[in-house]
Protein backbone atom coordinates (compact mmCIF):
# COMPACT_ATOMS: atom_id res chain seq x y z
CA MET A 1 9.00 55.95 -24.88
CA THR A 2 11.49 55.61 -22.05
CA ALA A 3 12.41 52.63 -19.93
CA ALA A 4 11.82 52.70 -16.20
CA SER A 5 14.46 52.05 -13.56
CA PRO A 6 15.38 48.41 -12.85
CA GLU A 7 13.00 48.49 -9.86
CA GLY A 8 10.03 49.77 -11.85
CA VAL A 9 8.00 48.57 -14.79
CA ALA A 10 9.13 49.82 -18.21
CA ALA A 11 6.91 52.14 -20.19
CA ALA A 12 4.25 50.48 -22.34
CA ILE A 13 5.15 49.61 -25.92
CA PHE A 14 3.10 48.39 -28.85
CA PHE A 15 3.23 44.71 -29.84
CA GLU A 16 4.76 45.68 -33.21
CA GLU A 17 7.72 47.22 -31.34
CA PHE A 18 8.23 44.01 -29.36
CA LEU A 19 8.28 42.00 -32.58
CA LYS A 20 11.32 43.98 -33.75
CA VAL A 21 13.45 42.31 -31.04
CA ASP A 22 14.60 38.96 -32.44
CA ILE A 23 14.92 36.63 -29.44
CA ARG A 24 16.17 33.12 -30.22
CA VAL A 25 17.39 29.95 -28.54
CA GLY A 26 20.93 28.75 -29.13
CA THR A 27 23.28 26.16 -27.71
CA ILE A 28 26.61 27.16 -26.19
CA VAL A 29 29.33 25.30 -28.13
CA ALA A 30 32.39 26.99 -26.61
CA ALA A 31 33.10 29.08 -23.51
CA GLU A 32 36.26 30.56 -22.06
CA PRO A 33 37.22 33.12 -19.43
CA PHE A 34 37.51 36.73 -20.59
CA PRO A 35 40.08 38.22 -18.19
CA GLU A 36 40.66 41.29 -20.40
CA ALA A 37 37.10 42.53 -19.82
CA ARG A 38 36.66 45.40 -17.33
CA LYS A 39 34.05 43.38 -15.42
CA PRO A 40 34.45 39.60 -15.01
CA ALA A 41 32.97 37.89 -18.06
CA ILE A 42 32.95 34.72 -20.15
CA LYS A 43 33.36 34.58 -23.94
CA LEU A 44 30.69 32.37 -25.50
CA LEU A 45 30.14 30.84 -28.92
CA VAL A 46 26.44 30.13 -29.39
CA ASP A 47 25.07 27.94 -32.20
CA PHE A 48 21.70 29.01 -33.62
CA GLY A 49 21.80 26.62 -36.58
CA GLY A 50 20.49 27.43 -40.05
CA GLU A 51 20.93 30.92 -41.46
CA ILE A 52 22.09 32.52 -38.19
CA GLY A 53 24.89 30.05 -37.52
CA VAL A 54 27.36 30.52 -34.66
CA ARG A 55 27.65 33.92 -32.97
CA LYS A 56 29.94 35.33 -30.25
CA SER A 57 28.94 36.93 -26.97
CA SER A 58 30.62 38.33 -23.87
CA ALA A 59 28.50 37.61 -20.83
CA GLN A 60 29.00 38.85 -17.26
CA ILE A 61 27.89 35.54 -15.76
CA THR A 62 30.94 34.50 -13.73
CA ARG A 63 29.16 34.37 -10.36
CA HIS A 64 27.00 31.35 -11.17
CA TYR A 65 28.66 29.79 -14.22
CA GLN A 66 32.00 28.16 -15.08
CA PRO A 67 33.02 28.06 -18.76
CA ASP A 68 33.43 24.27 -18.94
CA ARG A 69 29.96 23.69 -17.44
CA LEU A 70 28.24 25.94 -20.00
CA ILE A 71 29.01 23.80 -23.05
CA GLY A 72 25.82 22.20 -24.37
CA ARG A 73 23.45 24.52 -22.46
CA GLN A 74 20.67 26.21 -24.35
CA ILE A 75 20.14 29.91 -23.64
CA VAL A 76 17.85 32.73 -24.77
CA VAL A 77 19.57 35.50 -26.75
CA VAL A 78 18.79 38.69 -28.68
CA VAL A 79 20.32 38.20 -32.15
CA ASN A 80 19.50 41.50 -33.88
CA PHE A 81 21.23 44.15 -31.75
CA PRO A 82 24.27 45.75 -33.40
CA PRO A 83 27.60 44.07 -32.51
CA ARG A 84 29.41 45.65 -29.57
CA GLN A 85 33.17 45.94 -29.19
CA ILE A 86 34.32 44.80 -25.74
CA GLY A 87 38.08 45.24 -25.58
CA LYS A 88 39.51 43.25 -28.50
CA PHE A 89 36.39 41.05 -28.62
CA MET A 90 33.34 41.73 -30.80
CA SER A 91 30.16 40.60 -29.03
CA GLU A 92 27.52 39.80 -31.67
CA VAL A 93 24.51 38.76 -29.56
CA LEU A 94 23.08 39.62 -26.14
CA CYS A 95 22.50 36.76 -23.70
CA LEU A 96 19.40 37.31 -21.60
CA GLY A 97 19.21 36.84 -17.87
CA VAL A 98 17.53 38.02 -14.70
CA PRO A 99 19.09 39.06 -11.39
CA ASP A 100 19.30 36.75 -8.41
CA PRO A 101 18.68 38.27 -4.93
CA ALA A 102 22.27 39.65 -4.94
CA GLY A 103 21.89 41.19 -8.41
CA GLU A 104 24.01 38.56 -10.17
CA VAL A 105 22.94 37.28 -13.61
CA VAL A 106 20.99 34.03 -13.96
CA LEU A 107 20.69 33.02 -17.62
CA LEU A 108 17.28 32.55 -19.23
CA ALA A 109 16.86 29.14 -20.83
CA PRO A 110 14.08 26.85 -22.07
CA ASP A 111 13.15 24.16 -19.57
CA LEU A 112 12.96 21.51 -22.32
CA PRO A 113 15.30 20.97 -25.31
CA VAL A 114 14.18 22.94 -28.38
CA PRO A 115 15.64 23.36 -31.89
CA ASN A 116 18.48 25.88 -32.15
CA GLY A 117 17.36 29.13 -33.73
CA GLY A 118 13.78 28.88 -32.48
CA ARG A 119 12.30 32.37 -32.18
CA MET A 120 10.48 33.40 -29.03
CA PHE A 121 6.80 34.17 -29.40
């Protein structure tokens, strides 16, 4: 099945396919600018607790977020995509977000505190 354009709805998938994507909540424990990235980005360390532990991510979120203000925030992340090399940095998880009216990323996050590592259902 193929995905639709960003403006359209993606093709239908079966629930079993959706369950293969491991989406978890983690807390940002460190954040710093990533000036070496081709597009402006921030390096994140996200704590998922338990067996997942702390993972790294490069996120293109510089329009709405400053590194020092991200510490302690909980975010929603895909933890089972293969790692991706971004310059000299290995991004291990994908932070999830949605576009604002200008197309800039707004991070997805729970609206109440939840345990790190909690899986979306």
